Amino acid sequence: MFIGHYGVSLAAKKYESRISLGILFLAVQFLDILFAILVLLNIEHMRIVPGFTKFNPYDLYYMPYSHSLLGALLWSVLVALIYWWVVRPWDSGSKGAAIIGFAVFSHFLLDLPMHVHDMPLLMSESSTKFGLGLWNHRNLSLLAEAVCFFGGAFLYLRSTQAVSKFAFSYSIPASAGKFARLRLPGAGQLFSSRFTGRVRRQSTRDQEPKPLNLRC
């Protein structure tokens, strides 16, 4: 799966508004980023075979460390622990860490129906491999991508509200656990949501105490 992974990021904002959407985007793609690094280091392997599947030409024949079930679980726990350790100076981070960990593991769950039999159970070459092979059915693959992405976008839009058409607004941690707001007039055209052309924030029922407004 490709763009469908970002649907998980968008949906996750409904459950923890304090996590940066950018961090969630990185979390759901962490296993692919890791795979690319391991391929460059000649630890994991792939090859381009035209016509290998109807959706893409990738023969992902060796990726036990990044895309095995055991590997995905271990990386999910590790990333969650790192996130918890980084954010704990101003927040306990336990809920956020759990969401980040799930976002990482969701990559394996969404890849499983798409891949052919190339996703190992364990971190070894001889391990049993899984994959339901939707990539062999182009239209079904596109449908799965669309359902995951737009389903997540729907949840995101339902749980957020527009801040401004023309301003990019986000929260940054400040001393004593408070949050300062930085507003950058005009930057919204670059960073705004692709769905409405607006920057969005969490509904007021999920908001933290009113932040300090800073303008630059």
N, C-alpha and C. Protein backbone atom coordinates (compact mmCIF):
# COMPACT_ATOMS: atom_id res chain seq x y z
N MET A 1 0.85 -1.19 0.00
CA MET A 1 0.00 0.00 0.00
C MET A 1 0.88 1.24 0.00
N PHE A 2 0.34 2.32 -0.59
CA PHE A 2 1.12 3.55 -0.69
C PHE A 2 0.38 4.70 0.00
N ILE A 3 -0.46 5.44 -0.71
CA ILE A 3 -1.14 6.59 -0.12
C ILE A 3 -2.12 6.20 0.98
N GLY A 4 -2.61 4.96 0.94
CA GLY A 4 -3.56 4.52 1.96
C GLY A 4 -3.01 4.59 3.38
N HIS A 5 -1.68 4.47 3.53
CA HIS A 5 -1.09 4.54 4.86
C HIS A 5 -1.37 5.88 5.53
N TYR A 6 -1.45 6.94 4.74
CA TYR A 6 -1.66 8.26 5.33
C TYR A 6 -3.06 8.42 5.91
N GLY A 7 -3.99 7.57 5.50
CA GLY A 7 -5.31 7.59 6.10
C GLY A 7 -5.26 7.29 7.58
N VAL A 8 -4.35 6.39 7.99
CA VAL A 8 -4.19 6.08 9.41
C VAL A 8 -3.70 7.32 10.16
N SER A 9 -2.77 8.07 9.57
CA SER A 9 -2.27 9.29 10.19
C SER A 9 -3.40 10.29 10.43
N LEU A 10 -4.22 10.50 9.41
CA LEU A 10 -5.31 11.45 9.51
C LEU A 10 -6.33 11.00 10.56
N ALA A 11 -6.65 9.72 10.57
CA ALA A 11 -7.62 9.21 11.55
C ALA A 11 -7.08 9.32 12.97
N ALA A 12 -5.77 9.15 13.15
CA ALA A 12 -5.19 9.17 14.49
C ALA A 12 -5.32 10.53 15.16
N LYS A 13 -5.38 11.61 14.37
CA LYS A 13 -5.54 12.95 14.95
C LYS A 13 -6.85 13.09 15.71
N LYS A 14 -7.83 12.28 15.38
CA LYS A 14 -9.10 12.30 16.09
C LYS A 14 -8.93 11.89 17.55
N TYR A 15 -7.96 11.02 17.80
CA TYR A 15 -7.81 10.44 19.13
C TYR A 15 -6.72 11.11 19.97
N GLU A 16 -5.82 11.86 19.35
CA GLU A 16 -4.80 12.60 20.10
C GLU A 16 -4.36 13.79 19.28
N SER A 17 -4.97 14.95 19.59
CA SER A 17 -4.73 16.14 18.78
C SER A 17 -3.35 16.73 18.97
N ARG A 18 -2.65 16.36 20.07
CA ARG A 18 -1.35 16.98 20.35
C ARG A 18 -0.21 16.38 19.53
N ILE A 19 -0.45 15.27 18.87
CA ILE A 19 0.59 14.69 18.03
C ILE A 19 0.64 15.42 16.69
N SER A 20 1.81 15.83 16.28
CA SER A 20 1.98 16.49 15.00
C SER A 20 1.57 15.55 13.87
N LEU A 21 0.84 16.09 12.90
CA LEU A 21 0.46 15.29 11.74
C LEU A 21 1.69 14.84 10.97
N GLY A 22 2.72 15.68 10.95
CA GLY A 22 3.96 15.30 10.29
C GLY A 22 4.61 14.09 10.94
N ILE A 23 4.58 14.05 12.29
CA ILE A 23 5.12 12.89 13.01
C ILE A 23 4.32 11.64 12.68
N LEU A 24 3.02 11.77 12.59
CA LEU A 24 2.17 10.63 12.24
C LEU A 24 2.45 10.15 10.82
N PHE A 25 2.68 11.08 9.91
CA PHE A 25 3.03 10.69 8.54
C PHE A 25 4.33 9.87 8.53
N LEU A 26 5.30 10.32 9.31
CA LEU A 26 6.57 9.57 9.38
C LEU A 26 6.36 8.21 10.02
N ALA A 27 5.50 8.15 11.03
CA ALA A 27 5.28 6.89 11.75
C ALA A 27 4.69 5.82 10.82
N VAL A 28 3.67 6.19 10.03
CA VAL A 28 3.04 5.18 9.19
C VAL A 28 3.95 4.73 8.05
N GLN A 29 4.95 5.55 7.72
CA GLN A 29 5.90 5.17 6.66
C GLN A 29 7.24 4.72 7.22
N PHE A 30 7.34 4.57 8.52
CA PHE A 30 8.62 4.23 9.14
C PHE A 30 9.20 2.94 8.57
N LEU A 31 8.39 1.91 8.42
CA LEU A 31 8.90 0.62 7.94
C LEU A 31 9.42 0.72 6.51
N ASP A 32 8.77 1.53 5.67
CA ASP A 32 9.27 1.71 4.30
C ASP A 32 10.56 2.53 4.28
N ILE A 33 10.64 3.54 5.16
CA ILE A 33 11.87 4.33 5.27
C ILE A 33 13.02 3.42 5.72
N LEU A 34 12.73 2.58 6.71
CA LEU A 34 13.73 1.63 7.19
C LEU A 34 14.14 0.66 6.07
N PHE A 35 13.15 0.17 5.32
CA PHE A 35 13.44 -0.75 4.22
C PHE A 35 14.37 -0.09 3.20
N ALA A 36 14.10 1.17 2.84
CA ALA A 36 14.95 1.86 1.86
C ALA A 36 16.39 1.98 2.36
N ILE A 37 16.54 2.29 3.65
CA ILE A 37 17.89 2.40 4.23
C ILE A 37 18.60 1.05 4.20
N LEU A 38 17.88 -0.02 4.57
CA LEU A 38 18.49 -1.35 4.59
C LEU A 38 18.83 -1.84 3.18
N VAL A 39 18.04 -1.45 2.20
CA VAL A 39 18.38 -1.80 0.82
C VAL A 39 19.66 -1.09 0.39
N LEU A 40 19.79 0.18 0.73
CA LEU A 40 21.00 0.94 0.40
C LEU A 40 22.23 0.36 1.09
N LEU A 41 22.02 -0.21 2.29
CA LEU A 41 23.12 -0.84 3.03
C LEU A 41 23.35 -2.29 2.61
N ASN A 42 22.59 -2.77 1.63
CA ASN A 42 22.70 -4.14 1.12
C ASN A 42 22.38 -5.18 2.19
N ILE A 43 21.46 -4.83 3.07
CA ILE A 43 21.01 -5.77 4.11
C ILE A 43 19.71 -6.44 3.69
N GLU A 44 18.77 -5.65 3.18
CA GLU A 44 17.56 -6.20 2.58
C GLU A 44 17.64 -5.97 1.07
N HIS A 45 16.78 -6.69 0.33
CA HIS A 45 16.94 -6.68 -1.12
C HIS A 45 15.59 -6.63 -1.84
N MET A 46 15.59 -6.00 -3.00
CA MET A 46 14.46 -5.98 -3.90
C MET A 46 14.98 -5.88 -5.33
N ARG A 47 14.10 -6.11 -6.29
CA ARG A 47 14.48 -5.93 -7.68
C ARG A 47 13.26 -5.47 -8.47
N ILE A 48 13.53 -4.80 -9.57
CA ILE A 48 12.48 -4.32 -10.45
C ILE A 48 12.26 -5.37 -11.54
N VAL A 49 11.06 -5.92 -11.58
CA VAL A 49 10.71 -6.95 -12.58
C VAL A 49 9.44 -6.49 -13.28
N PRO A 50 9.56 -5.93 -14.48
CA PRO A 50 8.36 -5.46 -15.20
C PRO A 50 7.30 -6.55 -15.29
N GLY A 51 6.07 -6.18 -14.89
CA GLY A 51 4.97 -7.13 -14.94
C GLY A 51 4.92 -8.09 -13.77
N PHE A 52 5.75 -7.85 -12.73
CA PHE A 52 5.76 -8.76 -11.58
C PHE A 52 4.38 -8.84 -10.94
N THR A 53 3.73 -7.69 -10.76
CA THR A 53 2.31 -7.65 -10.40
C THR A 53 1.64 -6.65 -11.33
N LYS A 54 0.31 -6.63 -11.33
CA LYS A 54 -0.42 -5.71 -12.21
C LYS A 54 -0.39 -4.29 -11.69
N PHE A 55 0.03 -4.12 -10.45
CA PHE A 55 0.01 -2.78 -9.84
C PHE A 55 1.39 -2.13 -9.82
N ASN A 56 2.43 -2.91 -9.60
CA ASN A 56 3.79 -2.36 -9.59
C ASN A 56 4.80 -3.47 -9.93
N PRO A 57 6.02 -3.09 -10.28
CA PRO A 57 7.01 -4.09 -10.70
C PRO A 57 7.99 -4.50 -9.60
N TYR A 58 7.62 -4.33 -8.33
CA TYR A 58 8.57 -4.56 -7.24
C TYR A 58 8.55 -6.01 -6.76
N ASP A 59 9.67 -6.66 -6.89
CA ASP A 59 9.86 -7.99 -6.32
C ASP A 59 10.62 -7.80 -5.00
N LEU A 60 9.87 -7.78 -3.90
CA LEU A 60 10.44 -7.52 -2.57
C LEU A 60 10.78 -8.85 -1.92
N TYR A 61 11.83 -9.46 -2.41
CA TYR A 61 12.07 -10.86 -2.08
C TYR A 61 12.81 -11.08 -0.77
N TYR A 62 13.39 -10.01 -0.17
CA TYR A 62 14.10 -10.22 1.09
C TYR A 62 13.99 -8.96 1.96
N MET A 63 13.10 -9.01 2.93
CA MET A 63 12.93 -7.87 3.85
C MET A 63 12.46 -8.37 5.23
N PRO A 64 13.23 -9.26 5.85
CA PRO A 64 12.82 -9.84 7.13
C PRO A 64 12.93 -8.89 8.32
N TYR A 65 13.71 -7.84 8.21
CA TYR A 65 13.92 -6.94 9.34
C TYR A 65 12.92 -5.78 9.37
N SER A 66 12.49 -5.35 8.22
CA SER A 66 11.57 -4.21 8.17
C SER A 66 10.11 -4.61 7.99
N HIS A 67 9.83 -5.71 7.30
CA HIS A 67 8.45 -6.03 6.96
C HIS A 67 8.00 -7.41 7.43
N SER A 68 8.71 -8.01 8.36
CA SER A 68 8.20 -9.24 8.98
C SER A 68 7.24 -8.86 10.11
N LEU A 69 6.40 -9.79 10.50
CA LEU A 69 5.48 -9.54 11.62
C LEU A 69 6.26 -9.24 12.89
N LEU A 70 7.26 -10.07 13.19
CA LEU A 70 8.06 -9.86 14.40
C LEU A 70 8.82 -8.54 14.33
N GLY A 71 9.42 -8.25 13.17
CA GLY A 71 10.15 -7.01 13.01
C GLY A 71 9.26 -5.80 13.18
N ALA A 72 8.06 -5.84 12.58
CA ALA A 72 7.13 -4.71 12.69
C ALA A 72 6.72 -4.48 14.14
N LEU A 73 6.50 -5.57 14.89
CA LEU A 73 6.14 -5.42 16.31
C LEU A 73 7.29 -4.79 17.10
N LEU A 74 8.50 -5.26 16.87
CA LEU A 74 9.65 -4.73 17.61
C LEU A 74 9.90 -3.26 17.27
N TRP A 75 9.84 -2.90 16.00
CA TRP A 75 10.04 -1.50 15.62
C TRP A 75 8.94 -0.61 16.16
N SER A 76 7.72 -1.12 16.21
CA SER A 76 6.60 -0.34 16.74
C SER A 76 6.83 -0.01 18.21
N VAL A 77 7.25 -1.00 18.97
CA VAL A 77 7.52 -0.77 20.40
C VAL A 77 8.68 0.19 20.58
N LEU A 78 9.73 0.02 19.79
CA LEU A 78 10.90 0.90 19.91
C LEU A 78 10.55 2.35 19.59
N VAL A 79 9.85 2.57 18.50
CA VAL A 79 9.48 3.94 18.13
C VAL A 79 8.56 4.55 19.18
N ALA A 80 7.62 3.76 19.70
CA ALA A 80 6.72 4.27 20.75
C ALA A 80 7.50 4.67 21.99
N LEU A 81 8.47 3.87 22.38
CA LEU A 81 9.29 4.19 23.56
C LEU A 81 10.12 5.46 23.34
N ILE A 82 10.65 5.60 22.14
CA ILE A 82 11.43 6.81 21.83
C ILE A 82 10.54 8.04 21.88
N TYR A 83 9.34 7.93 21.31
CA TYR A 83 8.41 9.06 21.34
C TYR A 83 8.05 9.41 22.78
N TRP A 84 7.75 8.40 23.60
CA TRP A 84 7.39 8.65 25.00
C TRP A 84 8.54 9.35 25.74
N TRP A 85 9.77 8.91 25.51
CA TRP A 85 10.92 9.50 26.18
C TRP A 85 11.16 10.94 25.75
N VAL A 86 10.90 11.23 24.47
CA VAL A 86 11.14 12.58 23.96
C VAL A 86 10.10 13.58 24.47
N VAL A 87 8.83 13.17 24.53
CA VAL A 87 7.78 14.13 24.88
C VAL A 87 7.51 14.22 26.38
N ARG A 88 8.06 13.34 27.19
CA ARG A 88 7.69 13.32 28.60
C ARG A 88 8.07 14.56 29.39
N PRO A 89 9.04 15.42 28.97
CA PRO A 89 9.30 16.64 29.75
C PRO A 89 8.08 17.54 29.91
N TRP A 90 7.15 17.55 28.93
CA TRP A 90 5.97 18.40 29.07
C TRP A 90 4.66 17.62 29.03
N ASP A 91 4.73 16.32 28.88
CA ASP A 91 3.52 15.52 28.86
C ASP A 91 3.88 14.07 29.11
N SER A 92 2.99 13.33 29.76
CA SER A 92 3.29 11.93 30.05
C SER A 92 3.53 11.14 28.77
N GLY A 93 2.78 11.50 27.72
CA GLY A 93 3.04 10.90 26.41
C GLY A 93 2.61 9.46 26.27
N SER A 94 1.99 8.86 27.28
CA SER A 94 1.65 7.45 27.19
C SER A 94 0.61 7.17 26.12
N LYS A 95 -0.42 8.01 26.04
CA LYS A 95 -1.44 7.83 25.01
C LYS A 95 -0.86 8.10 23.64
N GLY A 96 -0.10 9.18 23.53
CA GLY A 96 0.52 9.51 22.26
C GLY A 96 1.49 8.44 21.80
N ALA A 97 2.26 7.88 22.74
CA ALA A 97 3.22 6.83 22.39
C ALA A 97 2.49 5.59 21.87
N ALA A 98 1.37 5.26 22.50
CA ALA A 98 0.60 4.10 22.05
C ALA A 98 0.07 4.31 20.63
N ILE A 99 -0.39 5.53 20.35
CA ILE A 99 -0.89 5.83 19.01
C ILE A 99 0.23 5.80 17.98
N ILE A 100 1.39 6.34 18.33
CA ILE A 100 2.54 6.30 17.43
C ILE A 100 2.94 4.85 17.15
N GLY A 101 2.99 4.04 18.20
CA GLY A 101 3.33 2.63 18.03
C GLY A 101 2.36 1.92 17.11
N PHE A 102 1.07 2.20 17.30
CA PHE A 102 0.07 1.57 16.42
C PHE A 102 0.21 2.07 14.99
N ALA A 103 0.52 3.36 14.83
CA ALA A 103 0.71 3.91 13.48
C ALA A 103 1.83 3.18 12.75
N VAL A 104 2.92 2.91 13.46
CA VAL A 104 4.04 2.17 12.85
C VAL A 104 3.58 0.76 12.46
N PHE A 105 2.91 0.08 13.38
CA PHE A 105 2.49 -1.30 13.11
C PHE A 105 1.40 -1.37 12.05
N SER A 106 0.61 -0.31 11.92
CA SER A 106 -0.46 -0.30 10.92
C SER A 106 0.09 -0.48 9.51
N HIS A 107 1.34 -0.11 9.31
CA HIS A 107 1.95 -0.28 7.99
C HIS A 107 1.97 -1.76 7.61
N PHE A 108 2.34 -2.61 8.54
CA PHE A 108 2.34 -4.05 8.28
C PHE A 108 0.92 -4.55 8.01
N LEU A 109 -0.04 -4.09 8.83
CA LEU A 109 -1.42 -4.56 8.69
C LEU A 109 -2.01 -4.18 7.34
N LEU A 110 -1.70 -2.98 6.86
CA LEU A 110 -2.25 -2.54 5.58
C LEU A 110 -1.50 -3.14 4.38
N ASP A 111 -0.23 -3.44 4.59
CA ASP A 111 0.54 -4.08 3.51
C ASP A 111 0.15 -5.54 3.31
N LEU A 112 -0.28 -6.19 4.36
CA LEU A 112 -0.54 -7.62 4.31
C LEU A 112 -1.52 -8.02 3.20
N PRO A 113 -2.65 -7.33 3.05
CA PRO A 113 -3.55 -7.73 1.95
C PRO A 113 -3.05 -7.33 0.57
N MET A 114 -2.11 -6.39 0.49
CA MET A 114 -1.66 -5.88 -0.80
C MET A 114 -0.52 -6.72 -1.39
N HIS A 115 0.45 -7.10 -0.58
CA HIS A 115 1.65 -7.78 -1.05
C HIS A 115 1.34 -9.20 -1.52
N VAL A 116 2.21 -9.69 -2.39
CA VAL A 116 2.24 -11.13 -2.68
C VAL A 116 2.96 -11.80 -1.50
N HIS A 117 3.25 -13.08 -1.59
CA HIS A 117 3.84 -13.80 -0.47
C HIS A 117 5.31 -13.38 -0.27
N ASP A 118 5.51 -12.21 0.34
CA ASP A 118 6.87 -11.73 0.58
C ASP A 118 7.05 -11.11 1.97
N MET A 119 6.04 -11.22 2.84
CA MET A 119 6.12 -10.64 4.18
C MET A 119 6.32 -11.76 5.20
N PRO A 120 7.54 -11.90 5.74
CA PRO A 120 7.85 -13.02 6.63
C PRO A 120 7.16 -12.92 8.00
N LEU A 121 6.99 -14.07 8.60
CA LEU A 121 6.46 -14.11 9.96
C LEU A 121 7.55 -13.71 10.95
N LEU A 122 8.75 -14.27 10.78
CA LEU A 122 9.87 -14.02 11.68
C LEU A 122 10.99 -13.30 10.92
N MET A 123 12.01 -12.91 11.66
CA MET A 123 13.12 -12.16 11.06
C MET A 123 14.19 -13.11 10.55
N SER A 124 13.79 -13.98 9.62
CA SER A 124 14.74 -14.93 9.04
C SER A 124 14.34 -15.23 7.61
N GLU A 125 15.30 -15.61 6.80
CA GLU A 125 15.05 -15.87 5.38
C GLU A 125 14.16 -17.08 5.17
N SER A 126 14.23 -18.05 6.05
CA SER A 126 13.48 -19.30 5.89
C SER A 126 12.07 -19.24 6.48
N SER A 127 11.70 -18.11 7.07
CA SER A 127 10.41 -17.99 7.73
C SER A 127 9.26 -18.06 6.73
N THR A 128 8.12 -18.54 7.20
CA THR A 128 6.91 -18.55 6.38
C THR A 128 6.55 -17.13 5.98
N LYS A 129 6.13 -16.95 4.72
CA LYS A 129 5.81 -15.61 4.22
C LYS A 129 4.31 -15.51 3.91
N PHE A 130 3.80 -14.28 4.09
CA PHE A 130 2.38 -14.04 3.91
C PHE A 130 2.15 -12.92 2.90
N GLY A 131 0.92 -12.78 2.45
CA GLY A 131 0.51 -11.73 1.53
C GLY A 131 -0.68 -12.22 0.73
N LEU A 132 -1.74 -11.40 0.68
CA LEU A 132 -2.96 -11.82 0.00
C LEU A 132 -2.96 -11.48 -1.48
N GLY A 133 -2.04 -10.64 -1.93
CA GLY A 133 -1.83 -10.45 -3.36
C GLY A 133 -2.80 -9.52 -4.08
N LEU A 134 -3.33 -8.49 -3.38
CA LEU A 134 -4.21 -7.55 -4.08
C LEU A 134 -3.47 -6.79 -5.19
N TRP A 135 -2.16 -6.71 -5.10
CA TRP A 135 -1.40 -6.05 -6.17
C TRP A 135 -1.53 -6.78 -7.50
N ASN A 136 -2.02 -8.00 -7.49
CA ASN A 136 -2.28 -8.71 -8.74
C ASN A 136 -3.63 -8.33 -9.34
N HIS A 137 -4.37 -7.45 -8.65
CA HIS A 137 -5.68 -6.99 -9.12
C HIS A 137 -5.68 -5.46 -9.04
N ARG A 138 -5.37 -4.82 -10.14
CA ARG A 138 -5.13 -3.38 -10.14
C ARG A 138 -6.31 -2.57 -9.60
N ASN A 139 -7.51 -2.86 -10.05
CA ASN A 139 -8.67 -2.08 -9.63
C ASN A 139 -8.96 -2.26 -8.14
N LEU A 140 -8.83 -3.48 -7.65
CA LEU A 140 -9.03 -3.71 -6.22
C LEU A 140 -7.96 -3.00 -5.39
N SER A 141 -6.73 -2.95 -5.91
CA SER A 141 -5.66 -2.24 -5.21
C SER A 141 -5.97 -0.76 -5.11
N LEU A 142 -6.43 -0.17 -6.21
CA LEU A 142 -6.79 1.26 -6.20
C LEU A 142 -7.95 1.52 -5.25
N LEU A 143 -8.92 0.61 -5.24
CA LEU A 143 -10.06 0.77 -4.34
C LEU A 143 -9.63 0.72 -2.88
N ALA A 144 -8.74 -0.22 -2.54
CA ALA A 144 -8.25 -0.34 -1.17
C ALA A 144 -7.50 0.92 -0.75
N GLU A 145 -6.66 1.44 -1.65
CA GLU A 145 -5.93 2.68 -1.36
C GLU A 145 -6.90 3.82 -1.08
N ALA A 146 -7.92 3.95 -1.92
CA ALA A 146 -8.88 5.04 -1.79
C ALA A 146 -9.69 4.92 -0.50
N VAL A 147 -10.14 3.72 -0.18
CA VAL A 147 -10.94 3.51 1.03
C VAL A 147 -10.14 3.90 2.28
N CYS A 148 -8.89 3.46 2.35
CA CYS A 148 -8.06 3.75 3.52
C CYS A 148 -7.76 5.24 3.63
N PHE A 149 -7.38 5.86 2.51
CA PHE A 149 -7.02 7.27 2.56
C PHE A 149 -8.22 8.17 2.84
N PHE A 150 -9.28 8.01 2.06
CA PHE A 150 -10.43 8.90 2.22
C PHE A 150 -11.22 8.59 3.49
N GLY A 151 -11.17 7.33 3.95
CA GLY A 151 -11.78 7.02 5.25
C GLY A 151 -11.08 7.76 6.37
N GLY A 152 -9.74 7.78 6.35
CA GLY A 152 -8.99 8.54 7.36
C GLY A 152 -9.23 10.03 7.23
N ALA A 153 -9.29 10.53 5.99
CA ALA A 153 -9.54 11.95 5.78
C ALA A 153 -10.92 12.35 6.29
N PHE A 154 -11.90 11.49 6.12
CA PHE A 154 -13.24 11.77 6.62
C PHE A 154 -13.24 11.92 8.15
N LEU A 155 -12.58 11.00 8.83
CA LEU A 155 -12.50 11.08 10.29
C LEU A 155 -11.77 12.35 10.73
N TYR A 156 -10.71 12.69 10.00
CA TYR A 156 -9.95 13.90 10.32
C TYR A 156 -10.81 15.15 10.18
N LEU A 157 -11.55 15.25 9.09
CA LEU A 157 -12.37 16.43 8.86
C LEU A 157 -13.55 16.51 9.83
N ARG A 158 -14.06 15.35 10.23
CA ARG A 158 -15.17 15.33 11.19
C ARG A 158 -14.74 15.76 12.58
N SER A 159 -13.49 15.56 12.93
CA SER A 159 -13.04 15.82 14.30
C SER A 159 -12.22 17.10 14.42
N THR A 160 -12.10 17.87 13.34
CA THR A 160 -11.35 19.12 13.37
C THR A 160 -12.21 20.25 12.83
N GLN A 161 -11.75 21.47 13.06
CA GLN A 161 -12.44 22.62 12.51
C GLN A 161 -11.42 23.58 11.92
N ALA A 162 -11.87 24.36 10.95
CA ALA A 162 -10.96 25.28 10.27
C ALA A 162 -10.51 26.38 11.22
N VAL A 163 -9.23 26.75 11.14
CA VAL A 163 -8.70 27.88 11.90
C VAL A 163 -8.74 29.13 11.03
N SER A 164 -8.21 29.03 9.81
CA SER A 164 -8.14 30.20 8.95
C SER A 164 -7.88 29.76 7.52
N LYS A 165 -8.32 30.56 6.58
CA LYS A 165 -8.02 30.28 5.18
C LYS A 165 -6.59 30.64 4.83
N PHE A 166 -6.05 31.64 5.52
CA PHE A 166 -4.79 32.22 5.07
C PHE A 166 -3.69 32.18 6.11
N ALA A 167 -3.86 31.46 7.20
CA ALA A 167 -2.83 31.42 8.23
C ALA A 167 -2.52 29.99 8.61
N PHE A 168 -1.27 29.72 8.77
CA PHE A 168 -0.81 28.41 9.23
C PHE A 168 -0.63 28.49 10.74
N SER A 169 -1.30 27.62 11.48
CA SER A 169 -1.31 27.72 12.93
C SER A 169 -0.99 26.36 13.53
N TYR A 170 -0.09 26.33 14.49
CA TYR A 170 0.20 25.09 15.18
C TYR A 170 0.71 25.39 16.58
N SER A 171 0.72 24.37 17.42
CA SER A 171 1.11 24.53 18.81
C SER A 171 2.51 24.00 19.04
N ILE A 172 3.29 24.72 19.85
CA ILE A 172 4.62 24.28 20.22
C ILE A 172 4.72 24.24 21.73
N PRO A 173 5.46 23.31 22.31
CA PRO A 173 5.55 23.22 23.76
C PRO A 173 6.34 24.39 24.33
N ALA A 174 5.87 24.93 25.44
CA ALA A 174 6.57 25.99 26.15
C ALA A 174 6.79 25.54 27.58
N SER A 175 7.40 26.36 28.40
CA SER A 175 7.73 25.99 29.78
C SER A 175 6.48 25.72 30.58
N ALA A 176 6.62 24.91 31.62
CA ALA A 176 5.55 24.56 32.56
C ALA A 176 4.40 23.84 31.87
N GLY A 177 4.70 23.18 30.74
CA GLY A 177 3.69 22.37 30.08
C GLY A 177 2.67 23.17 29.31
N LYS A 178 2.84 24.51 29.19
CA LYS A 178 1.91 25.32 28.44
C LYS A 178 2.27 25.27 26.97
N PHE A 179 1.33 25.73 26.14
CA PHE A 179 1.57 25.73 24.71
C PHE A 179 1.47 27.15 24.18
N ALA A 180 2.42 27.49 23.33
CA ALA A 180 2.39 28.79 22.66
C ALA A 180 1.95 28.58 21.23
N ARG A 181 1.22 29.52 20.71
CA ARG A 181 0.74 29.40 19.33
C ARG A 181 1.52 30.34 18.43
N LEU A 182 1.97 29.79 17.34
CA LEU A 182 2.71 30.57 16.35
C LEU A 182 1.85 30.70 15.11
N ARG A 183 1.60 31.93 14.71
CA ARG A 183 0.79 32.17 13.53
C ARG A 183 1.64 32.82 12.46
N LEU A 184 1.60 32.25 11.30
CA LEU A 184 2.39 32.75 10.19
C LEU A 184 1.44 33.17 9.07
N PRO A 185 1.02 34.43 9.03
CA PRO A 185 0.07 34.86 8.00
C PRO A 185 0.60 34.56 6.60
N GLY A 186 -0.29 34.05 5.75
CA GLY A 186 0.07 33.78 4.37
C GLY A 186 0.66 32.42 4.12
N ALA A 187 1.17 31.77 5.17
CA ALA A 187 1.81 30.46 4.96
C ALA A 187 0.81 29.36 4.75
N GLY A 188 -0.47 29.63 5.02
CA GLY A 188 -1.48 28.60 4.85
C GLY A 188 -1.58 28.06 3.45
N GLN A 189 -1.23 28.88 2.45
CA GLN A 189 -1.29 28.41 1.08
C GLN A 189 -0.33 27.28 0.83
N LEU A 190 0.76 27.23 1.60
CA LEU A 190 1.74 26.16 1.43
C LEU A 190 1.40 24.96 2.29
N PHE A 191 0.92 25.19 3.52
CA PHE A 191 0.75 24.10 4.48
C PHE A 191 -0.70 23.71 4.70
N SER A 192 -1.64 24.32 4.02
CA SER A 192 -3.05 24.09 4.29
C SER A 192 -3.48 22.70 3.87
N SER A 193 -4.63 22.30 4.41
CA SER A 193 -5.18 20.98 4.08
C SER A 193 -5.55 20.92 2.61
N ARG A 194 -5.26 19.81 1.95
CA ARG A 194 -5.56 19.65 0.54
C ARG A 194 -7.05 19.42 0.34
N PHE A 195 -7.78 19.10 1.39
CA PHE A 195 -9.18 18.74 1.23
C PHE A 195 -10.08 19.97 1.23
N THR A 196 -9.74 21.00 1.97
CA THR A 196 -10.61 22.17 2.05
C THR A 196 -9.88 23.46 1.75
N GLY A 197 -8.55 23.40 1.57
CA GLY A 197 -7.78 24.62 1.39
C GLY A 197 -7.65 25.40 2.67
N ARG A 198 -7.85 24.73 3.82
CA ARG A 198 -7.80 25.41 5.09
C ARG A 198 -6.94 24.63 6.07
N VAL A 199 -6.33 25.36 6.99
CA VAL A 199 -5.68 24.73 8.12
C VAL A 199 -6.76 24.36 9.11
N ARG A 200 -6.64 23.20 9.75
CA ARG A 200 -7.69 22.75 10.66
C ARG A 200 -7.11 22.46 12.03
N ARG A 201 -7.93 22.55 13.06
CA ARG A 201 -7.51 22.22 14.40
C ARG A 201 -8.54 21.32 15.05
N GLN A 202 -8.18 20.74 16.17
CA GLN A 202 -9.07 19.82 16.85
C GLN A 202 -10.29 20.55 17.39
N SER A 203 -11.42 19.86 17.43
CA SER A 203 -12.64 20.45 17.95
C SER A 203 -12.44 20.98 19.35
N THR A 204 -13.23 21.96 19.73
CA THR A 204 -13.02 22.62 21.02
C THR A 204 -13.17 21.67 22.19
N ARG A 205 -13.92 20.63 22.04
CA ARG A 205 -14.08 19.69 23.14
C ARG A 205 -12.79 18.93 23.45
N ASP A 206 -11.87 18.88 22.48
CA ASP A 206 -10.61 18.18 22.67
C ASP A 206 -9.44 19.13 22.90
N GLN A 207 -9.73 20.44 23.00
CA GLN A 207 -8.65 21.41 23.08
C GLN A 207 -8.02 21.45 24.46
N GLU A 208 -6.75 21.78 24.50
CA GLU A 208 -6.04 22.06 25.73
C GLU A 208 -6.42 23.46 26.19
N PRO A 209 -6.01 23.90 27.41
CA PRO A 209 -6.26 25.27 27.84
C PRO A 209 -5.77 26.26 26.79
N LYS A 210 -6.47 27.39 26.71
CA LYS A 210 -6.21 28.37 25.65
C LYS A 210 -4.74 28.75 25.59
N PRO A 211 -4.10 28.62 24.43
CA PRO A 211 -2.65 28.90 24.32
C PRO A 211 -2.38 30.40 24.24
N LEU A 212 -1.13 30.74 24.50
CA LEU A 212 -0.65 32.11 24.38
C LEU A 212 -0.44 32.40 22.91
N ASN A 213 -0.98 33.52 22.44
CA ASN A 213 -0.86 33.87 21.03
C ASN A 213 0.39 34.69 20.78
N LEU A 214 1.20 34.24 19.85
CA LEU A 214 2.38 34.97 19.42
C LEU A 214 2.24 35.23 17.93
N ARG A 215 2.63 36.37 17.49
CA ARG A 215 2.54 36.69 16.08
C ARG A 215 3.88 37.10 15.53
N CYS A 216 4.19 36.62 14.35
CA CYS A 216 5.41 37.06 13.69
C CYS A 216 5.18 37.16 12.19
